C-alpha atoms as a PDB file:
ATOM      1  CA  MET A   1    -157.036 189.519   1.221  1.00  0.00           C
ATOM      2  CA  PHE A   2    -155.008 186.532   1.861  1.00  0.00           C
ATOM      3  CA  ASP A   3    -156.376 183.287   0.930  1.00  0.00           C
ATOM      4  CA  VAL A   4    -155.949 181.064   3.984  1.00  0.00           C
ATOM      5  CA  LYS A   5    -156.894 177.441   4.033  1.00  0.00           C
ATOM      6  CA  ILE A   6    -156.789 175.204   7.158  1.00  0.00           C
ATOM      7  CA  HIS A   7    -156.115 171.681   5.598  1.00  0.00           C
ATOM      8  CA  ALA A   8    -155.702 169.811   8.908  1.00  0.00           C
ATOM      9  CA  THR A   9    -155.634 170.730  12.498  1.00  0.00           C
ATOM     10  CA  GLY A  10    -155.349 168.866  15.747  1.00  0.00           C
ATOM     11  CA  SER A  11    -153.182 166.295  17.421  1.00  0.00           C
ATOM     12  CA  ASP A  12    -153.452 164.084  14.255  1.00  0.00           C
ATOM     13  CA  GLY A  13    -151.745 166.674  12.091  1.00  0.00           C
ATOM     14  CA  ASN A  14    -151.687 170.456  11.205  1.00  0.00           C
ATOM     15  CA  CYS A  15    -151.221 172.061   7.820  1.00  0.00           C
ATOM     16  CA  VAL A  16    -152.143 175.584   6.711  1.00  0.00           C
ATOM     17  CA  SER A  17    -151.711 177.302   3.332  1.00  0.00           C
ATOM     18  CA  ILE A  18    -151.303 181.024   2.937  1.00  0.00           C
ATOM     19  CA  SER A  19    -151.271 182.776  -0.449  1.00  0.00           C
ATOM     20  CA  ASN A  20    -151.486 186.319  -1.405  1.00  0.00           C
ATOM     21  CA  GLY A  21    -152.111 185.438  -5.073  1.00  0.00           C
ATOM     22  CA  ALA A  22    -148.413 185.475  -6.076  1.00  0.00           C
ATOM     23  CA  VAL A  23    -146.785 183.594  -3.274  1.00  0.00           C
ATOM     24  CA  THR A  24    -147.992 180.422  -1.459  1.00  0.00           C
ATOM     25  CA  ILE A  25    -146.635 179.070   1.768  1.00  0.00           C
ATOM     26  CA  LEU A  26    -147.328 176.337   4.132  1.00  0.00           C
ATOM     27  CA  VAL A  27    -147.247 176.430   7.967  1.00  0.00           C
ATOM     28  CA  ASP A  28    -146.492 173.060   9.262  1.00  0.00           C
ATOM     29  CA  VAL A  29    -147.008 169.567   7.412  1.00  0.00           C
ATOM     30  CA  GLY A  30    -148.186 167.275  10.220  1.00  0.00           C
ATOM     31  CA  LEU A  31    -149.491 164.678   7.929  1.00  0.00           C
ATOM     32  CA  PRO A  32    -147.850 161.930   6.056  1.00  0.00           C
ATOM     33  CA  LYS A  33    -146.439 163.372   2.922  1.00  0.00           C
ATOM     34  CA  THR A  34    -148.824 161.425   0.582  1.00  0.00           C
ATOM     35  CA  LYS A  35    -151.759 162.956   2.547  1.00  0.00           C
ATOM     36  CA  VAL A  36    -150.253 166.529   2.399  1.00  0.00           C
ATOM     37  CA  GLU A  37    -149.886 165.943  -1.374  1.00  0.00           C
ATOM     38  CA  LYS A  38    -153.489 164.784  -1.724  1.00  0.00           C
ATOM     39  CA  ILE A  39    -155.193 167.405   0.408  1.00  0.00           C
ATOM     40  CA  LEU A  40    -153.254 170.195  -1.468  1.00  0.00           C
ATOM     41  CA  LEU A  41    -154.280 168.890  -4.863  1.00  0.00           C
ATOM     42  CA  ALA A  42    -157.827 168.477  -3.665  1.00  0.00           C
ATOM     43  CA  ALA A  43    -157.749 172.229  -2.609  1.00  0.00           C
ATOM     44  CA  GLY A  44    -156.418 173.174  -6.148  1.00  0.00           C
ATOM     45  CA  ILE A  45    -152.858 173.988  -4.940  1.00  0.00           C
ATOM     46  CA  ASP A  46    -150.058 172.961  -7.110  1.00  0.00           C
ATOM     47  CA  PRO A  47    -147.275 171.631  -4.975  1.00  0.00           C
ATOM     48  CA  THR A  48    -144.570 172.708  -7.422  1.00  0.00           C
ATOM     49  CA  LYS A  49    -145.842 176.312  -6.853  1.00  0.00           C
ATOM     50  CA  ILE A  50    -145.351 176.445  -3.077  1.00  0.00           C
ATOM     51  CA  HIS A  51    -142.591 178.815  -2.220  1.00  0.00           C
ATOM     52  CA  SER A  52    -141.623 177.472   1.271  1.00  0.00           C
ATOM     53  CA  ILE A  53    -142.576 175.630   4.329  1.00  0.00           C
ATOM     54  CA  TRP A  54    -142.536 177.101   7.795  1.00  0.00           C
ATOM     55  CA  ILE A  55    -142.415 174.669  10.730  1.00  0.00           C
ATOM     56  CA  THR A  56    -143.702 175.799  14.157  1.00  0.00           C
ATOM     57  CA  HIS A  57    -141.901 173.110  16.055  1.00  0.00           C
ATOM     58  CA  GLU A  58    -140.594 169.566  15.830  1.00  0.00           C
ATOM     59  CA  HIS A  59    -143.494 167.670  17.202  1.00  0.00           C
ATOM     60  CA  GLN A  60    -144.806 165.015  14.741  1.00  0.00           C
ATOM     61  CA  ASP A  61    -148.125 166.570  14.312  1.00  0.00           C
ATOM     62  CA  HIS A  62    -146.617 169.600  12.801  1.00  0.00           C
ATOM     63  CA  CYS A  63    -143.746 168.094  10.904  1.00  0.00           C
ATOM     64  CA  ARG A  64    -144.485 164.493  10.207  1.00  0.00           C
ATOM     65  CA  GLY A  65    -144.858 165.235   6.352  1.00  0.00           C
ATOM     66  CA  LEU A  66    -141.574 166.946   5.733  1.00  0.00           C
ATOM     67  CA  GLY A  67    -140.857 164.347   3.109  1.00  0.00           C
ATOM     68  CA  PHE A  68    -143.193 166.178   1.000  1.00  0.00           C
ATOM     69  CA  ALA A  69    -140.648 169.190   1.151  1.00  0.00           C
ATOM     70  CA  ASP A  70    -137.931 166.895   0.063  1.00  0.00           C
ATOM     71  CA  LYS A  71    -139.962 165.435  -2.907  1.00  0.00           C
ATOM     72  CA  TYR A  72    -140.733 168.901  -4.191  1.00  0.00           C
ATOM     73  CA  LYS A  73    -137.583 170.716  -3.167  1.00  0.00           C
ATOM     74  CA  ILE A  74    -139.432 173.034  -1.231  1.00  0.00           C
ATOM     75  CA  PRO A  75    -137.185 175.150   1.149  1.00  0.00           C
ATOM     76  CA  VAL A  76    -138.108 174.579   4.969  1.00  0.00           C
ATOM     77  CA  TYR A  77    -137.818 177.468   7.508  1.00  0.00           C
ATOM     78  CA  ALA A  78    -137.659 177.032  11.312  1.00  0.00           C
ATOM     79  CA  SER A  79    -135.770 178.063  14.369  1.00  0.00           C
ATOM     80  CA  GLU A  80    -132.459 176.738  14.878  1.00  0.00           C
ATOM     81  CA  GLY A  81    -133.591 174.688  17.742  1.00  0.00           C
ATOM     82  CA  THR A  82    -136.409 173.061  15.727  1.00  0.00           C
ATOM     83  CA  LEU A  83    -134.121 172.365  12.847  1.00  0.00           C
ATOM     84  CA  LYS A  84    -131.482 170.862  15.194  1.00  0.00           C
ATOM     85  CA  ALA A  85    -134.360 168.625  16.663  1.00  0.00           C
ATOM     86  CA  LEU A  86    -135.365 167.614  13.185  1.00  0.00           C
ATOM     87  CA  GLU A  87    -131.699 166.921  12.286  1.00  0.00           C
ATOM     88  CA  ARG A  88    -132.117 169.360   9.274  1.00  0.00           C
ATOM     89  CA  LEU A  89    -129.803 172.225  10.208  1.00  0.00           C
ATOM     90  CA  ASP A  90    -127.660 171.637   7.229  1.00  0.00           C
ATOM     91  CA  SER A  91    -130.518 171.741   4.812  1.00  0.00           C
ATOM     92  CA  GLY A  92    -133.072 173.907   6.446  1.00  0.00           C
ATOM     93  CA  LYS A  93    -133.075 177.662   6.755  1.00  0.00           C
ATOM     94  CA  VAL A  94    -133.063 179.374  10.146  1.00  0.00           C
ATOM     95  CA  ILE A  95    -135.331 182.291  11.155  1.00  0.00           C
ATOM     96  CA  LYS A  96    -135.055 183.933  14.583  1.00  0.00           C
ATOM     97  CA  ALA A  97    -137.810 185.284  16.445  1.00  0.00           C
ATOM     98  CA  GLY A  98    -138.272 188.901  15.750  1.00  0.00           C
ATOM     99  CA  ASN A  99    -136.607 188.671  12.301  1.00  0.00           C
ATOM    100  CA  SER A 100    -138.575 188.996   8.856  1.00  0.00           C
ATOM    101  CA  ILE A 101    -137.890 187.266   5.686  1.00  0.00           C
ATOM    102  CA  CYS A 102    -139.188 188.848   2.498  1.00  0.00           C
ATOM    103  CA  PHE A 103    -140.144 187.061  -0.603  1.00  0.00           C
ATOM    104  CA  GLU A 104    -140.187 189.170  -3.688  1.00  0.00           C
ATOM    105  CA  ALA A 105    -142.957 188.422  -6.141  1.00  0.00           C
ATOM    106  CA  PHE A 106    -144.075 190.318  -9.297  1.00  0.00           C
ATOM    107  CA  SER A 107    -144.675 193.734  -7.771  1.00  0.00           C
ATOM    108  CA  ILE A 108    -143.918 195.428  -4.531  1.00  0.00           C
ATOM    109  CA  THR A 109    -147.573 195.057  -3.529  1.00  0.00           C
ATOM    110  CA  ASN A 110    -147.222 191.163  -3.867  1.00  0.00           C
ATOM    111  CA  HIS A 111    -144.169 190.984  -1.667  1.00  0.00           C
ATOM    112  CA  MET A 112    -144.662 188.745   1.298  1.00  0.00           C
ATOM    113  CA  PHE A 113    -143.037 189.185   4.565  1.00  0.00           C
ATOM    114  CA  VAL A 114    -142.982 186.406   7.296  1.00  0.00           C
ATOM    115  CA  THR A 115    -141.824 187.490  10.737  1.00  0.00           C
ATOM    116  CA  ALA A 116    -141.292 184.807  13.441  1.00  0.00           C
ATOM    117  CA  PHE A 117    -142.250 185.166  17.308  1.00  0.00           C
ATOM    118  CA  ASN A 118    -141.548 183.208  20.238  1.00  0.00           C
ATOM    119  CA  VAL A 119    -144.390 180.898  21.805  1.00  0.00           C
ATOM    120  CA  SER A 120    -144.372 179.001  24.952  1.00  0.00           C
ATOM    121  CA  HIS A 121    -144.454 175.285  24.296  1.00  0.00           C
ATOM    122  CA  ASP A 122    -142.479 172.182  25.392  1.00  0.00           C
ATOM    123  CA  ALA A 123    -140.293 171.957  22.265  1.00  0.00           C
ATOM    124  CA  MET A 124    -136.771 173.085  21.455  1.00  0.00           C
ATOM    125  CA  GLU A 125    -137.473 176.503  20.160  1.00  0.00           C
ATOM    126  CA  PRO A 126    -141.101 177.033  19.016  1.00  0.00           C
ATOM    127  CA  LEU A 127    -142.403 179.838  16.876  1.00  0.00           C
ATOM    128  CA  GLY A 128    -145.386 181.421  15.570  1.00  0.00           C
ATOM    129  CA  PHE A 129    -145.540 183.513  12.336  1.00  0.00           C
ATOM    130  CA  ALA A 130    -147.133 186.721  11.122  1.00  0.00           C
ATOM    131  CA  ILE A 131    -147.339 187.131   7.346  1.00  0.00           C
ATOM    132  CA  GLN A 132    -147.738 190.352   5.655  1.00  0.00           C
ATOM    133  CA  SER A 133    -148.124 191.696   2.275  1.00  0.00           C
ATOM    134  CA  GLY A 134    -150.322 194.163   0.162  1.00  0.00           C
ATOM    135  CA  ALA A 135    -153.051 191.485   0.835  1.00  0.00           C
ATOM    136  CA  GLY A 136    -152.959 192.254   4.560  1.00  0.00           C
ATOM    137  CA  LYS A 137    -151.808 190.297   7.479  1.00  0.00           C
ATOM    138  CA  VAL A 138    -152.369 186.674   8.812  1.00  0.00           C
ATOM    139  CA  SER A 139    -151.043 185.446  12.206  1.00  0.00           C
ATOM    140  CA  VAL A 140    -150.596 181.783  12.869  1.00  0.00           C
ATOM    141  CA  MET A 141    -150.141 180.658  16.552  1.00  0.00           C
ATOM    142  CA  MET A 142    -150.311 177.101  17.068  1.00  0.00           C
ATOM    143  CA  ASP A 143    -149.097 175.293  20.349  1.00  0.00           C
ATOM    144  CA  THR A 144    -148.493 177.710  23.312  1.00  0.00           C
ATOM    145  CA  GLY A 145    -149.325 177.472  27.006  1.00  0.00           C
ATOM    146  CA  TYR A 146    -149.977 181.102  27.260  1.00  0.00           C
ATOM    147  CA  VAL A 147    -149.841 184.381  25.365  1.00  0.00           C
ATOM    148  CA  THR A 148    -147.245 187.188  26.179  1.00  0.00           C
ATOM    149  CA  ASP A 149    -147.283 190.718  25.409  1.00  0.00           C
ATOM    150  CA  GLU A 150    -144.564 190.100  22.756  1.00  0.00           C
ATOM    151  CA  MET A 151    -146.839 187.630  21.062  1.00  0.00           C
ATOM    152  CA  LEU A 152    -149.452 190.114  21.114  1.00  0.00           C
ATOM    153  CA  HIS A 153    -147.368 192.880  19.614  1.00  0.00           C
ATOM    154  CA  ALA A 154    -146.243 190.377  16.679  1.00  0.00           C
ATOM    155  CA  MET A 155    -149.940 189.572  15.905  1.00  0.00           C
ATOM    156  CA  ALA A 156    -151.352 193.049  16.320  1.00  0.00           C
ATOM    157  CA  ASN A 157    -153.578 194.316  13.487  1.00  0.00           C
ATOM    158  CA  SER A 158    -153.918 191.167  11.551  1.00  0.00           C
ATOM    159  CA  ASP A 159    -156.904 190.645   9.211  1.00  0.00           C
ATOM    160  CA  ILE A 160    -156.930 186.823   9.801  1.00  0.00           C
ATOM    161  CA  TYR A 161    -156.009 184.975  13.002  1.00  0.00           C
ATOM    162  CA  VAL A 162    -155.368 181.235  13.027  1.00  0.00           C
ATOM    163  CA  PHE A 163    -155.419 180.611  16.774  1.00  0.00           C
ATOM    164  CA  GLU A 164    -154.986 177.720  19.114  1.00  0.00           C
ATOM    165  CA  CYS A 165    -158.062 177.059  21.276  1.00  0.00           C
ATOM    166  CA  ASN A 166    -156.992 173.661  22.649  1.00  0.00           C
ATOM    167  CA  HIS A 167    -159.193 172.911  25.765  1.00  0.00           C
ATOM    168  CA  ASP A 168    -161.529 173.727  28.487  1.00  0.00           C
ATOM    169  CA  GLU A 169    -159.705 173.746  31.857  1.00  0.00           C
ATOM    170  CA  ASP A 170    -162.346 172.069  33.673  1.00  0.00           C
ATOM    171  CA  MET A 171    -162.690 169.275  31.343  1.00  0.00           C
ATOM    172  CA  VAL A 172    -158.890 168.557  31.659  1.00  0.00           C
ATOM    173  CA  VAL A 173    -159.074 168.710  35.359  1.00  0.00           C
ATOM    174  CA  ASN A 174    -162.075 166.404  35.643  1.00  0.00           C
ATOM    175  CA  GLY A 175    -161.142 164.060  32.722  1.00  0.00           C
ATOM    176  CA  ASP A 176    -159.462 160.783  32.499  1.00  0.00           C
ATOM    177  CA  TYR A 177    -156.032 161.871  31.569  1.00  0.00           C
ATOM    178  CA  PRO A 178    -153.205 160.760  33.861  1.00  0.00           C
ATOM    179  CA  ASP A 179    -152.086 163.558  36.148  1.00  0.00           C
ATOM    180  CA  VAL A 180    -148.686 163.963  34.310  1.00  0.00           C
ATOM    181  CA  THR A 181    -150.664 164.517  31.125  1.00  0.00           C
ATOM    182  CA  LYS A 182    -153.060 167.049  32.697  1.00  0.00           C
ATOM    183  CA  SER A 183    -149.957 168.969  34.191  1.00  0.00           C
ATOM    184  CA  ARG A 184    -148.452 169.088  30.646  1.00  0.00           C
ATOM    185  CA  VAL A 185    -151.519 170.271  28.988  1.00  0.00           C
ATOM    186  CA  LEU A 186    -152.306 172.918  31.437  1.00  0.00           C
ATOM    187  CA  ALA A 187    -148.682 174.210  31.944  1.00  0.00           C
ATOM    188  CA  ASP A 188    -147.303 177.451  30.688  1.00  0.00           C
ATOM    189  CA  THR A 189    -145.334 175.302  28.115  1.00  0.00           C
ATOM    190  CA  GLY A 190    -148.542 173.263  27.243  1.00  0.00           C
ATOM    191  CA  HIS A 191    -151.532 174.237  25.168  1.00  0.00           C
ATOM    192  CA  LEU A 192    -153.848 177.046  25.099  1.00  0.00           C
ATOM    193  CA  SER A 193    -157.146 177.005  26.988  1.00  0.00           C
ATOM    194  CA  ASN A 194    -160.293 178.415  25.614  1.00  0.00           C
ATOM    195  CA  GLU A 195    -160.485 181.218  28.237  1.00  0.00           C
ATOM    196  CA  ALA A 196    -156.680 182.158  27.533  1.00  0.00           C
ATOM    197  CA  ALA A 197    -157.433 182.181  23.767  1.00  0.00           C
ATOM    198  CA  ALA A 198    -160.493 184.310  24.200  1.00  0.00           C
ATOM    199  CA  SER A 199    -158.572 186.742  26.494  1.00  0.00           C
ATOM    200  CA  ALA A 200    -155.975 187.210  23.909  1.00  0.00           C
ATOM    201  CA  LEU A 201    -158.394 187.672  21.031  1.00  0.00           C
ATOM    202  CA  ALA A 202    -160.422 190.207  22.930  1.00  0.00           C
ATOM    203  CA  LYS A 203    -157.059 192.329  22.941  1.00  0.00           C
ATOM    204  CA  LEU A 204    -156.328 191.740  19.285  1.00  0.00           C
ATOM    205  CA  VAL A 205    -159.736 191.956  17.502  1.00  0.00           C
ATOM    206  CA  HIS A 206    -161.074 195.414  16.930  1.00  0.00           C
ATOM    207  CA  GLY A 207    -164.138 194.552  15.173  1.00  0.00           C
ATOM    208  CA  LEU A 208    -162.930 195.576  11.464  1.00  0.00           C
ATOM    209  CA  GLY A 209    -164.233 192.371   9.880  1.00  0.00           C
ATOM    210  CA  GLU A 210    -161.185 190.132  11.205  1.00  0.00           C
ATOM    211  CA  LYS A 211    -161.532 186.277  10.255  1.00  0.00           C
ATOM    212  CA  ILE A 212    -160.694 184.030  13.414  1.00  0.00           C
ATOM    213  CA  TYR A 213    -159.926 180.347  12.976  1.00  0.00           C
ATOM    214  CA  LEU A 214    -160.051 178.486  16.199  1.00  0.00           C
ATOM    215  CA  THR A 215    -157.697 175.328  15.652  1.00  0.00           C
ATOM    216  CA  HIS A 216    -155.844 172.542  17.386  1.00  0.00           C
ATOM    217  CA  MET A 217    -158.919 171.691  19.415  1.00  0.00           C
ATOM    218  CA  SER A 218    -158.765 168.705  21.741  1.00  0.00           C
ATOM    219  CA  SER A 219    -161.268 165.780  20.819  1.00  0.00           C
ATOM    220  CA  ASN A 220    -161.367 164.776  24.574  1.00  0.00           C
ATOM    221  CA  ASN A 221    -161.042 168.211  26.453  1.00  0.00           C
ATOM    222  CA  ASN A 222    -163.036 170.598  24.411  1.00  0.00           C
ATOM    223  CA  MET A 223    -166.162 171.045  22.441  1.00  0.00           C
ATOM    224  CA  PRO A 224    -166.616 173.371  19.343  1.00  0.00           C
ATOM    225  CA  ALA A 225    -169.681 175.026  20.928  1.00  0.00           C
ATOM    226  CA  LEU A 226    -167.825 175.511  24.133  1.00  0.00           C
ATOM    227  CA  ALA A 227    -164.765 177.203  22.593  1.00  0.00           C
ATOM    228  CA  GLN A 228    -166.861 179.277  20.301  1.00  0.00           C
ATOM    229  CA  GLY A 229    -169.059 180.490  23.304  1.00  0.00           C
ATOM    230  CA  THR A 230    -166.060 181.481  25.379  1.00  0.00           C
ATOM    231  CA  VAL A 231    -164.575 183.557  22.371  1.00  0.00           C
ATOM    232  CA  LYS A 232    -167.771 185.099  21.585  1.00  0.00           C
ATOM    233  CA  ARG A 233    -168.518 186.110  25.286  1.00  0.00           C
ATOM    234  CA  ALA A 234    -165.158 187.843  25.544  1.00  0.00           C
ATOM    235  CA  LEU A 235    -165.583 189.793  22.405  1.00  0.00           C
ATOM    236  CA  LYS A 236    -169.146 190.629  23.137  1.00  0.00           C
ATOM    237  CA  ALA A 237    -167.936 192.276  26.470  1.00  0.00           C
ATOM    238  CA  LYS A 238    -165.940 194.645  24.049  1.00  0.00           C
ATOM    239  CA  GLY A 239    -169.417 195.323  22.223  1.00  0.00           C
ATOM    240  CA  LEU A 240    -168.186 193.066  19.183  1.00  0.00           C
ATOM    241  CA  LEU A 241    -170.600 190.678  17.601  1.00  0.00           C
ATOM    242  CA  ALA A 242    -169.840 187.610  15.394  1.00  0.00           C
ATOM    243  CA  GLY A 243    -171.026 188.025  11.931  1.00  0.00           C
ATOM    244  CA  LYS A 244    -171.114 191.875  12.267  1.00  0.00           C
ATOM    245  CA  HIS A 245    -167.747 192.980  13.544  1.00  0.00           C
ATOM    246  CA  TYR A 246    -165.788 189.786  12.954  1.00  0.00           C
ATOM    247  CA  GLU A 247    -165.952 186.220  11.566  1.00  0.00           C
ATOM    248  CA  LEU A 248    -165.410 183.152  13.637  1.00  0.00           C
ATOM    249  CA  GLU A 249    -164.925 179.540  12.500  1.00  0.00           C
ATOM    250  CA  VAL A 250    -164.231 176.626  14.728  1.00  0.00           C
ATOM    251  CA  LEU A 251    -162.037 173.841  13.194  1.00  0.00           C
END
């Protein structure tokens, strides 16, 4: 089984580490580089042993700490659009949606494959990532306004889902945000609502002991209990119960 750690999530910064015991990668480094270094060391992760960093898109809460990659000379992978926006096209490594990159470890069972897939967000060319090896499969879907069949196909049969569950739509509509901000959050290129996340997870989770991490939660327009309850109800409608058929953690 993969070892997945959510080191930071939300509008202040996002950072996830994924290890199969032989290869360790990071998805996003949205904290200042010194904080990235500190949280990894506190988690027992040696920065010099990180194989690569994968950036979902160019917004600061996902890439603020790229100086960490420079310090430790860690390769940075992202879409061409993201690397252009970050002015790192010459130094970064491009991955396209639908393509996979394999990292060879000590044996075939420890190879790690990372496959990119398109998401819908107001960034240049945002991506999600599905990571596979003999340890199983992890899917990481950060900022997206909605979930497409293409995304569901890319994430299908994962053992672990790192899933955006950003807001409750009623809280956004009735909240204090300016109308332009409300429109951005609720748009197809905005962020994923509790209901949309629950609907997608109900299509993905089969009750085989999957682990679900609900992430990137708005501090103004969501509550952990609300997000958790929405997902649990959708999965219960399929006959799946938390703690018995799957594990659920809200971050």
